[in-house]
């Protein structure tokens, strides 16, 4: 049996508080909104009760952050795509961040098990004055558990319209040389991406501060020689890293996210409580 699920998230500012109105169809839901740091910043955890995504499943999230609202969205655990008999499993996110709004999109890793057929699409549209931080951790198989990614395909898109469009396809069989080559994944099986994006061009000193902070933290990390941070546009700073498994990549991205939060928004780090359970 295939699961089709949709979740609409609508964040708005009411006085000094960010409020969420949400509606779901199927097994994709949001837990109770939490405010561990301020009424202005709404923390939410998305849950998928079946526990994994299989061939034929389709999950869709539509997210809107209204002007001056601030949302932080995460998950309680990894998103897992399991082996498929042939049908594609898909997950899509369509997000719109309005003027003066902020979004932190921080789900835990996506694990593509051997034999999975995956389509994962992320789209973030930023209005002038909007800002966001987001990350994506894509893991192929579970090599440390003796379950490498030996079959299957992953199609992934990350899009910020008019700013950044990344489309990739990884085939476990056809792309073995890419996955093994030092010009590709170099034998690693996790690709991590963290970005800071704005709807309005940033001043050069702000870009340089974000770059210097990320590069400084990466230089002292185990992934120093497997990571890099660039700014291809005045509205975007991107950190990329390759790792053999999830933990070192998540540690690096979390450290940079915490530092960027203080630097860019003058907000103390406040990790979601679910990360500590």
Protein backbone atom coordinates (compact mmCIF):
# COMPACT_ATOMS: atom_id res chain seq x y z
CA UNK A 1 0.00 0.00 0.00
CA UNK A 2 1.31 3.47 -0.96
CA UNK A 3 0.96 6.51 1.27
CA UNK A 4 0.06 9.89 -0.20
CA UNK A 5 0.33 12.71 2.30
CA UNK A 6 0.20 16.49 2.20
CA UNK A 7 0.93 19.08 4.86
CA UNK A 8 0.20 22.81 4.64
CA UNK A 9 2.04 25.08 7.06
CA UNK A 10 1.08 28.75 7.39
CA UNK A 11 3.11 30.94 9.73
CA UNK A 12 2.02 34.49 10.55
CA UNK A 13 2.96 37.19 13.00
CA UNK A 14 0.38 38.24 15.60
CA UNK A 15 1.79 41.00 17.76
CA UNK A 16 5.04 39.71 19.22
CA UNK A 17 4.20 36.06 18.47
CA UNK A 18 4.61 33.80 15.42
CA UNK A 19 1.59 31.51 15.06
CA UNK A 20 1.15 28.39 12.94
CA UNK A 21 -2.00 27.25 11.20
CA UNK A 22 -1.64 23.81 9.62
CA UNK A 23 -3.68 21.25 7.78
CA UNK A 24 -2.74 17.67 6.90
CA UNK A 25 -4.00 14.96 4.60
CA UNK A 26 -2.55 11.52 5.25
CA UNK A 27 0.29 10.49 7.57
CA UNK A 28 2.36 13.66 7.67
CA UNK A 29 1.85 15.94 10.65
CA UNK A 30 3.29 18.63 12.85
CA UNK A 31 3.69 18.32 16.58
CA UNK A 32 2.71 21.08 19.00
CA UNK A 33 4.42 24.40 18.35
CA UNK A 34 7.09 25.29 20.89
CA UNK A 35 8.67 28.61 21.88
CA UNK A 36 11.88 27.73 23.72
CA UNK A 37 13.58 31.07 23.03
CA UNK A 38 10.97 33.74 22.22
CA UNK A 39 7.28 34.11 21.28
CA UNK A 40 8.52 35.54 17.99
CA UNK A 41 10.20 32.27 16.90
CA UNK A 42 8.03 29.19 16.41
CA UNK A 43 9.76 25.79 16.58
CA UNK A 44 8.00 22.85 14.92
CA UNK A 45 8.79 19.17 14.40
CA UNK A 46 7.37 17.33 11.38
CA UNK A 47 6.55 13.65 11.84
CA UNK A 48 5.75 10.85 9.39
CA UNK A 49 4.16 8.08 11.50
CA UNK A 50 4.80 5.20 9.01
CA UNK A 51 8.49 5.70 9.74
CA UNK A 52 9.81 5.47 6.18
CA UNK A 53 9.05 6.19 2.53
CA UNK A 54 8.70 3.33 0.02
CA UNK A 55 8.07 3.05 -3.71
CA UNK A 56 4.82 4.75 -4.68
CA UNK A 57 4.69 6.99 -1.61
CA UNK A 58 4.34 10.73 -2.25
CA UNK A 59 4.80 13.34 0.48
CA UNK A 60 4.22 17.04 -0.21
CA UNK A 61 4.81 20.01 2.09
CA UNK A 62 3.57 23.51 1.30
CA UNK A 63 5.08 26.09 3.63
CA UNK A 64 4.44 29.83 3.87
CA UNK A 65 6.06 32.27 6.28
CA UNK A 66 4.20 35.60 6.29
CA UNK A 67 5.85 38.97 6.71
CA UNK A 68 8.00 39.37 9.87
CA UNK A 69 7.21 35.83 11.13
CA UNK A 70 10.04 33.44 12.05
CA UNK A 71 9.76 29.65 11.80
CA UNK A 72 12.22 26.89 12.64
CA UNK A 73 11.26 23.49 11.23
CA UNK A 74 12.98 20.17 11.84
CA UNK A 75 12.32 16.42 12.14
CA UNK A 76 12.73 13.96 15.05
CA UNK A 77 14.92 11.58 13.06
CA UNK A 78 16.22 10.68 9.64
CA UNK A 79 13.96 10.55 6.61
CA UNK A 80 14.38 7.05 5.20
CA UNK A 81 13.71 5.95 1.64
CA UNK A 82 13.49 2.15 1.54
CA UNK A 83 14.01 -0.41 -1.20
CA UNK A 84 11.50 -0.21 -4.04
CA UNK A 85 10.13 -2.85 -6.38
CA UNK A 86 10.35 -0.24 -9.15
CA UNK A 87 8.04 2.65 -8.28
CA UNK A 88 9.48 6.04 -7.34
CA UNK A 89 9.05 7.47 -3.86
CA UNK A 90 8.85 11.25 -3.74
CA UNK A 91 9.08 14.05 -1.23
CA UNK A 92 8.58 17.69 -2.21
CA UNK A 93 8.77 20.97 -0.35
CA UNK A 94 7.46 24.27 -1.72
CA UNK A 95 8.29 27.18 0.59
CA UNK A 96 7.58 30.91 0.30
CA UNK A 97 9.17 33.42 2.67
CA UNK A 98 7.57 36.86 2.66
CA UNK A 99 9.24 40.27 3.22
CA UNK A 100 10.93 40.55 6.60
CA UNK A 101 10.24 36.87 7.41
CA UNK A 102 12.79 34.23 8.41
CA UNK A 103 12.86 30.48 7.93
CA UNK A 104 15.21 27.89 9.38
CA UNK A 105 14.74 24.60 7.50
CA UNK A 106 16.74 22.03 9.49
CA UNK A 107 15.53 18.44 8.97
CA UNK A 108 17.78 15.61 10.01
CA UNK A 109 19.47 13.52 7.33
CA UNK A 110 17.82 11.80 4.37
CA UNK A 111 18.94 8.16 4.05
CA UNK A 112 18.50 6.41 0.72
CA UNK A 113 18.68 2.67 1.28
CA UNK A 114 20.04 0.38 -1.41
CA UNK A 115 17.38 -0.33 -4.02
CA UNK A 116 15.41 2.85 -3.36
CA UNK A 117 14.05 4.96 -6.21
CA UNK A 118 13.99 8.51 -4.88
CA UNK A 119 12.80 11.91 -6.01
CA UNK A 120 13.50 14.67 -3.49
CA UNK A 121 12.67 18.27 -4.44
CA UNK A 122 13.16 21.42 -2.35
CA UNK A 123 12.06 24.86 -3.51
CA UNK A 124 12.40 28.10 -1.52
CA UNK A 125 11.13 31.40 -2.86
CA UNK A 126 12.36 34.49 -1.00
CA UNK A 127 10.66 37.86 -1.30
CA UNK A 128 12.75 41.04 -0.98
CA UNK A 129 13.82 41.39 2.64
CA UNK A 130 13.22 37.71 3.45
CA UNK A 131 16.05 35.57 4.84
CA UNK A 132 16.58 31.89 5.53
CA UNK A 133 19.03 29.23 6.61
CA UNK A 134 18.56 25.70 5.39
CA UNK A 135 20.43 22.46 5.16
CA UNK A 136 20.29 19.12 3.44
CA UNK A 137 22.20 15.96 4.39
CA UNK A 138 21.93 13.24 1.75
CA UNK A 139 23.22 9.80 2.78
CA UNK A 140 23.57 6.89 0.36
CA UNK A 141 23.05 3.56 2.09
CA UNK A 142 24.39 2.59 5.50
CA UNK A 143 27.97 1.52 4.74
CA UNK A 144 28.99 1.49 8.42
CA UNK A 145 26.25 -1.10 9.03
CA UNK A 146 27.25 -3.25 6.10
CA UNK A 147 24.43 -1.95 3.89
CA UNK A 148 26.06 0.08 1.08
CA UNK A 149 24.16 1.81 -1.71
CA UNK A 150 24.57 -0.88 -4.39
CA UNK A 151 21.35 -0.38 -6.37
CA UNK A 152 18.82 2.36 -6.91
CA UNK A 153 18.63 5.96 -8.04
CA UNK A 154 18.33 9.36 -6.36
CA UNK A 155 17.06 12.47 -8.15
CA UNK A 156 17.41 15.63 -6.10
CA UNK A 157 16.60 19.28 -6.77
CA UNK A 158 17.35 22.30 -4.59
CA UNK A 159 15.95 25.51 -6.03
CA UNK A 160 15.83 29.15 -4.99
CA UNK A 161 14.13 30.68 -8.05
CA UNK A 162 16.26 33.25 -9.83
CA UNK A 163 19.18 32.51 -7.49
CA UNK A 164 20.20 28.85 -7.32
CA UNK A 165 19.12 25.73 -9.15
CA UNK A 166 20.82 22.41 -8.46
CA UNK A 167 19.70 19.19 -10.06
CA UNK A 168 21.48 15.91 -9.53
CA UNK A 169 20.94 12.27 -10.36
CA UNK A 170 22.92 9.53 -8.68
CA UNK A 171 22.59 5.98 -9.97
CA UNK A 172 24.17 3.35 -7.76
CA UNK A 173 25.36 1.30 -10.75
CA UNK A 174 25.97 3.81 -13.53
CA UNK A 175 27.70 6.34 -11.27
CA UNK A 176 30.13 4.07 -9.45
CA UNK A 177 33.11 5.90 -10.91
CA UNK A 178 31.66 9.27 -9.84
CA UNK A 179 31.08 8.02 -6.30
CA UNK A 180 34.60 6.58 -6.06
CA UNK A 181 36.57 9.27 -7.89
CA UNK A 182 38.43 12.05 -6.03
CA UNK A 183 36.77 14.37 -8.57
CA UNK A 184 33.39 13.15 -7.31
CA UNK A 185 32.38 11.82 -3.91
CA UNK A 186 35.81 10.29 -3.28
CA UNK A 187 34.41 7.18 -1.65
CA UNK A 188 32.29 9.12 0.83
CA UNK A 189 28.57 8.47 1.03
CA UNK A 190 27.13 11.63 2.55
CA UNK A 191 26.80 15.05 0.90
CA UNK A 192 25.96 17.91 3.25
CA UNK A 193 24.81 21.38 2.21
CA UNK A 194 24.11 24.42 4.37
CA UNK A 195 23.06 27.77 2.97
CA UNK A 196 22.22 31.29 4.07
CA UNK A 197 20.01 33.06 1.54
CA UNK A 198 18.35 36.45 1.31
CA UNK A 199 15.78 38.05 -0.96
CA UNK A 200 17.87 41.22 -1.15
CA UNK A 201 21.58 41.46 -1.96
CA UNK A 202 23.83 41.52 1.09
CA UNK A 203 26.60 44.03 1.64
CA UNK A 204 30.07 42.66 0.97
CA UNK A 205 31.21 42.87 4.63
CA UNK A 206 28.25 40.69 5.69
CA UNK A 207 29.06 38.09 3.03
CA UNK A 208 32.72 38.06 4.04
CA UNK A 209 31.82 37.62 7.70
CA UNK A 210 29.60 34.62 6.91
CA UNK A 211 32.31 33.08 4.71
CA UNK A 212 35.10 33.67 7.22
CA UNK A 213 33.06 32.20 10.06
CA UNK A 214 32.18 29.04 8.16
CA UNK A 215 35.71 28.57 6.82
CA UNK A 216 37.21 29.10 10.26
CA UNK A 217 34.99 26.48 11.85
CA UNK A 218 35.59 24.03 8.98
CA UNK A 219 39.37 24.48 9.21
CA UNK A 220 39.36 23.08 12.75
CA UNK A 221 36.98 20.23 11.92
CA UNK A 222 37.63 16.63 10.87
CA UNK A 223 36.16 17.49 7.45
CA UNK A 224 38.56 20.38 6.85
CA UNK A 225 39.82 18.88 3.59
CA UNK A 226 36.37 17.68 2.48
CA UNK A 227 34.46 20.94 2.78
CA UNK A 228 34.28 24.40 1.26
CA UNK A 229 32.25 27.60 1.54
CA UNK A 230 31.49 29.98 -1.32
CA UNK A 231 29.22 32.89 -2.25
CA UNK A 232 28.15 32.53 -5.89
CA UNK A 233 25.76 35.48 -5.57
CA UNK A 234 25.34 38.46 -3.22
CA UNK A 235 22.16 36.81 -1.92
CA UNK A 236 23.67 33.40 -1.12
CA UNK A 237 26.40 31.73 0.93
CA UNK A 238 26.79 27.95 0.61
CA UNK A 239 28.78 25.43 2.65
CA UNK A 240 29.32 21.95 1.17
CA UNK A 241 30.95 18.93 2.77
CA UNK A 242 31.49 15.26 2.00
CA UNK A 243 31.68 12.72 4.81
CA UNK A 244 31.80 8.93 5.26
CA UNK A 245 28.69 9.04 7.45
CA UNK A 246 26.27 11.45 9.08
CA UNK A 247 27.78 12.41 12.43
CA UNK A 248 30.81 14.51 11.37
CA UNK A 249 28.78 16.36 8.72
CA UNK A 250 25.95 17.14 11.11
CA UNK A 251 28.44 18.35 13.71
CA UNK A 252 30.01 20.77 11.23
CA UNK A 253 26.72 22.09 9.87
CA UNK A 254 25.32 22.58 13.36
CA UNK A 255 28.39 24.54 14.45
CA UNK A 256 28.19 26.83 11.42
CA UNK A 257 24.41 27.26 11.76
CA UNK A 258 24.85 28.28 15.40
CA UNK A 259 27.56 30.79 14.50
CA UNK A 260 25.66 32.22 11.51
CA UNK A 261 22.56 32.66 13.68
CA UNK A 262 24.46 34.91 16.07
CA UNK A 263 26.35 36.72 13.34
CA UNK A 264 23.49 37.37 10.90
CA UNK A 265 20.50 37.69 13.21
CA UNK A 266 21.99 38.46 16.62
CA UNK A 267 20.20 35.38 18.00
CA UNK A 268 21.72 33.03 20.53
CA UNK A 269 21.93 29.41 19.38
CA UNK A 270 18.82 27.46 20.34
CA UNK A 271 18.89 23.89 19.07
CA UNK A 272 15.50 22.18 18.81
CA UNK A 273 14.78 20.07 21.89
CA UNK A 274 14.05 17.00 19.78
CA UNK A 275 17.73 16.83 18.74
CA UNK A 276 18.61 16.02 22.32
CA UNK A 277 16.16 13.12 22.77
